[in-house]
Amino acid sequence: MKRVVAAILAPAFDPRLRACAARLARTTVERIAVVGPTRANVFAGMPVVTLPAGRRPLATALGWALRGSCDGVLLVDAAGLELRIDFDAMLARFEHAHAVATRHASGIDLPAVIGVPLFGRFVRRAPGVVLATTPGVELVAGLEIAAPRPVEESNDLVQVA
């Protein structure tokens, strides 16, 4: 079984980070890092390390993954917080692939599981570009989470718009 770690790239604090980290903790990933600004104690009691993003958060995440002698990293960005992604299915497909990426309405991008041999390709290029131009990348569908419909109140009637 391939050894995989997970890194959440967080350009800004987002309250959904804890829920995403909890979902990842229920998978087979060995370790989880959040790269970017976080609030104190938001991950208390969870197997999560926080890393400062610096100028290149993706490079920070890949460097952290390499130091852990893993076979790959599951990268989740802010868009991944908005999608219904079956992380277990992605990890299972990675057992027989060198990368597994998400197909969005706008193209191929993160979340993705990337094998260590591909890390160098991500140093200077956007993940979506690398994933879309690398032969043999397995694709999974990223299902958009529908925004809640606004509720309008009128006297004692509640109507869903």
C-alpha atoms as a PDB file:
ATOM      1  CA  MET A   1       0.000   0.000   0.000  1.00  0.00           C
ATOM      2  CA  LYS A   2       1.339   3.430  -0.951  1.00  0.00           C
ATOM      3  CA  ARG A   3       2.118   5.811   1.897  1.00  0.00           C
ATOM      4  CA  VAL A   4       0.287   9.116   1.421  1.00  0.00           C
ATOM      5  CA  VAL A   5       0.189  12.308   3.474  1.00  0.00           C
ATOM      6  CA  ALA A   6      -2.294  15.168   3.036  1.00  0.00           C
ATOM      7  CA  ALA A   7      -1.752  18.911   2.842  1.00  0.00           C
ATOM      8  CA  ILE A   8      -4.474  21.546   2.840  1.00  0.00           C
ATOM      9  CA  LEU A   9      -3.341  24.745   1.096  1.00  0.00           C
ATOM     10  CA  ALA A  10      -5.131  27.576   2.891  1.00  0.00           C
ATOM     11  CA  PRO A  11      -4.418  31.072   1.550  1.00  0.00           C
ATOM     12  CA  ALA A  12      -6.637  32.525   4.284  1.00  0.00           C
ATOM     13  CA  PHE A  13      -8.289  31.187   7.400  1.00  0.00           C
ATOM     14  CA  ASP A  14     -11.522  29.400   6.597  1.00  0.00           C
ATOM     15  CA  PRO A  15     -13.803  27.835   9.224  1.00  0.00           C
ATOM     16  CA  ARG A  16     -14.279  24.814   6.902  1.00  0.00           C
ATOM     17  CA  LEU A  17     -10.619  23.835   7.392  1.00  0.00           C
ATOM     18  CA  ARG A  18     -11.368  21.860  10.561  1.00  0.00           C
ATOM     19  CA  ALA A  19     -14.128  19.848   8.847  1.00  0.00           C
ATOM     20  CA  CYS A  20     -11.849  19.117   5.888  1.00  0.00           C
ATOM     21  CA  ALA A  21      -9.030  18.019   8.201  1.00  0.00           C
ATOM     22  CA  ALA A  22     -11.479  15.778  10.091  1.00  0.00           C
ATOM     23  CA  ARG A  23     -12.561  14.148   6.793  1.00  0.00           C
ATOM     24  CA  LEU A  24      -8.923  13.563   5.859  1.00  0.00           C
ATOM     25  CA  ALA A  25      -8.190  12.110   9.305  1.00  0.00           C
ATOM     26  CA  ARG A  26     -10.792   9.397   8.619  1.00  0.00           C
ATOM     27  CA  THR A  27      -8.898   8.260   5.508  1.00  0.00           C
ATOM     28  CA  THR A  28      -5.699   6.246   5.188  1.00  0.00           C
ATOM     29  CA  VAL A  29      -3.401   9.294   4.995  1.00  0.00           C
ATOM     30  CA  GLU A  30      -0.569   9.034   7.483  1.00  0.00           C
ATOM     31  CA  ARG A  31      -0.247  12.716   8.397  1.00  0.00           C
ATOM     32  CA  ILE A  32      -2.062  15.986   7.704  1.00  0.00           C
ATOM     33  CA  ALA A  33      -0.675  19.503   7.388  1.00  0.00           C
ATOM     34  CA  VAL A  34      -2.459  22.811   6.938  1.00  0.00           C
ATOM     35  CA  VAL A  35      -0.254  25.251   5.045  1.00  0.00           C
ATOM     36  CA  GLY A  36      -1.272  28.846   5.649  1.00  0.00           C
ATOM     37  CA  PRO A  37      -2.755  31.092   8.305  1.00  0.00           C
ATOM     38  CA  THR A  38      -4.775  29.342  10.993  1.00  0.00           C
ATOM     39  CA  ARG A  39      -6.289  30.344  14.298  1.00  0.00           C
ATOM     40  CA  ALA A  40      -4.883  29.042  17.529  1.00  0.00           C
ATOM     41  CA  ASN A  41      -6.354  25.762  18.747  1.00  0.00           C
ATOM     42  CA  VAL A  42      -8.590  25.287  15.674  1.00  0.00           C
ATOM     43  CA  PHE A  43      -7.101  21.814  15.238  1.00  0.00           C
ATOM     44  CA  ALA A  44      -6.815  20.961  18.939  1.00  0.00           C
ATOM     45  CA  GLY A  45      -7.096  17.228  19.478  1.00  0.00           C
ATOM     46  CA  MET A  46      -6.593  16.463  15.793  1.00  0.00           C
ATOM     47  CA  PRO A  47      -3.577  14.836  14.091  1.00  0.00           C
ATOM     48  CA  VAL A  48      -2.758  18.031  12.186  1.00  0.00           C
ATOM     49  CA  VAL A  49       0.404  20.124  11.951  1.00  0.00           C
ATOM     50  CA  THR A  50       0.264  23.713  10.802  1.00  0.00           C
ATOM     51  CA  LEU A  51       2.928  25.209   8.564  1.00  0.00           C
ATOM     52  CA  PRO A  52       3.433  28.826   7.563  1.00  0.00           C
ATOM     53  CA  ALA A  53       2.718  29.306   3.862  1.00  0.00           C
ATOM     54  CA  GLY A  54       5.601  31.619   3.100  1.00  0.00           C
ATOM     55  CA  ARG A  55       5.874  32.846  -0.470  1.00  0.00           C
ATOM     56  CA  ARG A  56       5.256  29.426  -2.035  1.00  0.00           C
ATOM     57  CA  PRO A  57       2.711  27.362  -0.097  1.00  0.00           C
ATOM     58  CA  LEU A  58       2.733  24.516  -2.625  1.00  0.00           C
ATOM     59  CA  ALA A  59       6.518  24.186  -2.308  1.00  0.00           C
ATOM     60  CA  THR A  60       6.141  24.205   1.488  1.00  0.00           C
ATOM     61  CA  ALA A  61       3.589  21.373   1.295  1.00  0.00           C
ATOM     62  CA  LEU A  62       5.692  19.281  -1.096  1.00  0.00           C
ATOM     63  CA  GLY A  63       8.839  19.788   1.002  1.00  0.00           C
ATOM     64  CA  TRP A  64       6.969  18.708   4.135  1.00  0.00           C
ATOM     65  CA  ALA A  65       5.686  15.613   2.323  1.00  0.00           C
ATOM     66  CA  LEU A  66       9.175  14.677   1.086  1.00  0.00           C
ATOM     67  CA  ARG A  67      10.620  14.877   4.593  1.00  0.00           C
ATOM     68  CA  GLY A  68       8.131  12.215   5.654  1.00  0.00           C
ATOM     69  CA  SER A  69       9.379   9.658   3.105  1.00  0.00           C
ATOM     70  CA  CYS A  70       5.955   9.110   1.588  1.00  0.00           C
ATOM     71  CA  ASP A  71       4.902   7.878  -1.859  1.00  0.00           C
ATOM     72  CA  GLY A  72       2.568  10.799  -2.517  1.00  0.00           C
ATOM     73  CA  VAL A  73       0.623  13.736  -1.187  1.00  0.00           C
ATOM     74  CA  LEU A  74      -3.081  14.462  -1.295  1.00  0.00           C
ATOM     75  CA  LEU A  75      -3.287  18.211  -1.943  1.00  0.00           C
ATOM     76  CA  VAL A  76      -6.502  20.059  -1.105  1.00  0.00           C
ATOM     77  CA  ASP A  77      -6.978  23.748  -1.863  1.00  0.00           C
ATOM     78  CA  ALA A  78      -9.780  26.171  -1.040  1.00  0.00           C
ATOM     79  CA  ALA A  79     -11.802  24.830  -3.990  1.00  0.00           C
ATOM     80  CA  GLY A  80     -11.600  21.388  -2.406  1.00  0.00           C
ATOM     81  CA  LEU A  81     -13.452  22.732   0.598  1.00  0.00           C
ATOM     82  CA  GLU A  82     -16.367  23.509  -1.748  1.00  0.00           C
ATOM     83  CA  LEU A  83     -16.562  20.105  -3.430  1.00  0.00           C
ATOM     84  CA  ARG A  84     -17.921  16.711  -2.524  1.00  0.00           C
ATOM     85  CA  ILE A  85     -14.809  14.636  -2.977  1.00  0.00           C
ATOM     86  CA  ASP A  86     -14.470  10.993  -2.018  1.00  0.00           C
ATOM     87  CA  PHE A  87     -10.928  11.133  -0.667  1.00  0.00           C
ATOM     88  CA  ASP A  88     -10.937   7.364  -0.014  1.00  0.00           C
ATOM     89  CA  ALA A  89     -11.744   6.710  -3.676  1.00  0.00           C
ATOM     90  CA  MET A  90      -8.942   9.045  -4.769  1.00  0.00           C
ATOM     91  CA  LEU A  91      -6.473   7.267  -2.501  1.00  0.00           C
ATOM     92  CA  ALA A  92      -7.607   3.849  -3.754  1.00  0.00           C
ATOM     93  CA  ARG A  93      -7.123   4.907  -7.380  1.00  0.00           C
ATOM     94  CA  PHE A  94      -3.667   6.277  -6.522  1.00  0.00           C
ATOM     95  CA  GLU A  95      -2.563   2.727  -5.662  1.00  0.00           C
ATOM     96  CA  HIS A  96      -2.421   2.049  -9.425  1.00  0.00           C
ATOM     97  CA  ALA A  97      -1.609   5.524 -10.790  1.00  0.00           C
ATOM     98  CA  HIS A  98       1.093   8.172 -10.499  1.00  0.00           C
ATOM     99  CA  ALA A  99      -1.508  10.931  -9.968  1.00  0.00           C
ATOM    100  CA  VAL A 100      -5.247  11.306  -9.417  1.00  0.00           C
ATOM    101  CA  ALA A 101      -6.857  14.706 -10.014  1.00  0.00           C
ATOM    102  CA  THR A 102     -10.298  16.259  -9.815  1.00  0.00           C
ATOM    103  CA  ARG A 103     -12.276  17.221 -12.896  1.00  0.00           C
ATOM    104  CA  HIS A 104     -14.121  20.487 -12.206  1.00  0.00           C
ATOM    105  CA  ALA A 105     -16.550  22.337 -14.442  1.00  0.00           C
ATOM    106  CA  SER A 106     -13.645  24.670 -15.244  1.00  0.00           C
ATOM    107  CA  GLY A 107     -11.025  21.967 -15.918  1.00  0.00           C
ATOM    108  CA  ILE A 108      -8.624  19.647 -14.082  1.00  0.00           C
ATOM    109  CA  ASP A 109      -7.140  20.769 -10.773  1.00  0.00           C
ATOM    110  CA  LEU A 110      -6.838  20.095  -7.045  1.00  0.00           C
ATOM    111  CA  PRO A 111      -7.767  18.208  -4.955  1.00  0.00           C
ATOM    112  CA  ALA A 112      -5.275  15.706  -6.299  1.00  0.00           C
ATOM    113  CA  VAL A 113      -3.052  12.884  -5.124  1.00  0.00           C
ATOM    114  CA  ILE A 114       0.410  13.354  -6.605  1.00  0.00           C
ATOM    115  CA  GLY A 115       3.220  10.816  -6.612  1.00  0.00           C
ATOM    116  CA  VAL A 116       6.673  11.900  -5.448  1.00  0.00           C
ATOM    117  CA  PRO A 117       8.264  11.477  -8.913  1.00  0.00           C
ATOM    118  CA  LEU A 118       5.988  14.278 -10.178  1.00  0.00           C
ATOM    119  CA  PHE A 119       6.754  16.791  -7.406  1.00  0.00           C
ATOM    120  CA  GLY A 120       9.394  18.619  -9.461  1.00  0.00           C
ATOM    121  CA  ARG A 121       6.857  19.513 -12.147  1.00  0.00           C
ATOM    122  CA  PHE A 122       4.855  21.545  -9.639  1.00  0.00           C
ATOM    123  CA  VAL A 123       7.654  23.852  -8.532  1.00  0.00           C
ATOM    124  CA  ARG A 124       7.127  26.554 -11.145  1.00  0.00           C
ATOM    125  CA  ARG A 125       3.761  25.767 -12.704  1.00  0.00           C
ATOM    126  CA  ALA A 126       0.159  25.893 -11.507  1.00  0.00           C
ATOM    127  CA  PRO A 127      -1.153  22.499 -10.371  1.00  0.00           C
ATOM    128  CA  GLY A 128      -4.041  22.546 -12.854  1.00  0.00           C
ATOM    129  CA  VAL A 129      -1.667  23.095 -15.765  1.00  0.00           C
ATOM    130  CA  VAL A 130       0.641  20.275 -14.692  1.00  0.00           C
ATOM    131  CA  LEU A 131      -2.218  17.853 -14.030  1.00  0.00           C
ATOM    132  CA  ALA A 132      -3.900  18.641 -17.355  1.00  0.00           C
ATOM    133  CA  THR A 133      -0.688  18.163 -19.352  1.00  0.00           C
ATOM    134  CA  THR A 134       0.722  15.070 -17.609  1.00  0.00           C
ATOM    135  CA  PRO A 135      -0.109  11.811 -19.412  1.00  0.00           C
ATOM    136  CA  GLY A 136      -1.821   9.104 -17.397  1.00  0.00           C
ATOM    137  CA  VAL A 137      -3.396  11.237 -14.684  1.00  0.00           C
ATOM    138  CA  GLU A 138      -6.527   9.487 -13.390  1.00  0.00           C
ATOM    139  CA  LEU A 139      -9.564  11.766 -13.056  1.00  0.00           C
ATOM    140  CA  VAL A 140     -12.412  11.839 -10.549  1.00  0.00           C
ATOM    141  CA  ALA A 141     -15.473  14.076 -10.675  1.00  0.00           C
ATOM    142  CA  GLY A 142     -15.691  16.998  -8.278  1.00  0.00           C
ATOM    143  CA  LEU A 143     -19.346  17.466  -7.450  1.00  0.00           C
ATOM    144  CA  GLU A 144     -20.200  21.073  -6.687  1.00  0.00           C
ATOM    145  CA  ILE A 145     -22.021  21.596  -3.398  1.00  0.00           C
ATOM    146  CA  ALA A 146     -25.185  23.533  -4.077  1.00  0.00           C
ATOM    147  CA  ALA A 147     -25.458  26.796  -2.193  1.00  0.00           C
ATOM    148  CA  PRO A 148     -28.396  26.878   0.199  1.00  0.00           C
ATOM    149  CA  ARG A 149     -31.416  28.559  -1.283  1.00  0.00           C
ATOM    150  CA  PRO A 150     -32.431  31.814   0.409  1.00  0.00           C
ATOM    151  CA  VAL A 151     -35.440  31.678   2.700  1.00  0.00           C
ATOM    152  CA  GLU A 152     -37.924  34.533   2.515  1.00  0.00           C
ATOM    153  CA  GLU A 153     -40.235  35.175   5.427  1.00  0.00           C
ATOM    154  CA  SER A 154     -43.607  36.764   4.900  1.00  0.00           C
ATOM    155  CA  ASN A 155     -45.866  37.187   7.942  1.00  0.00           C
ATOM    156  CA  ASP A 156     -46.299  33.655   9.198  1.00  0.00           C
ATOM    157  CA  LEU A 157     -45.458  31.912   5.932  1.00  0.00           C
ATOM    158  CA  VAL A 158     -41.950  30.728   5.124  1.00  0.00           C
ATOM    159  CA  GLN A 159     -41.166  30.370   1.465  1.00  0.00           C
ATOM    160  CA  VAL A 160     -38.084  28.919  -0.126  1.00  0.00           C
ATOM    161  CA  ALA A 161     -37.050  31.085  -3.085  1.00  0.00           C
END
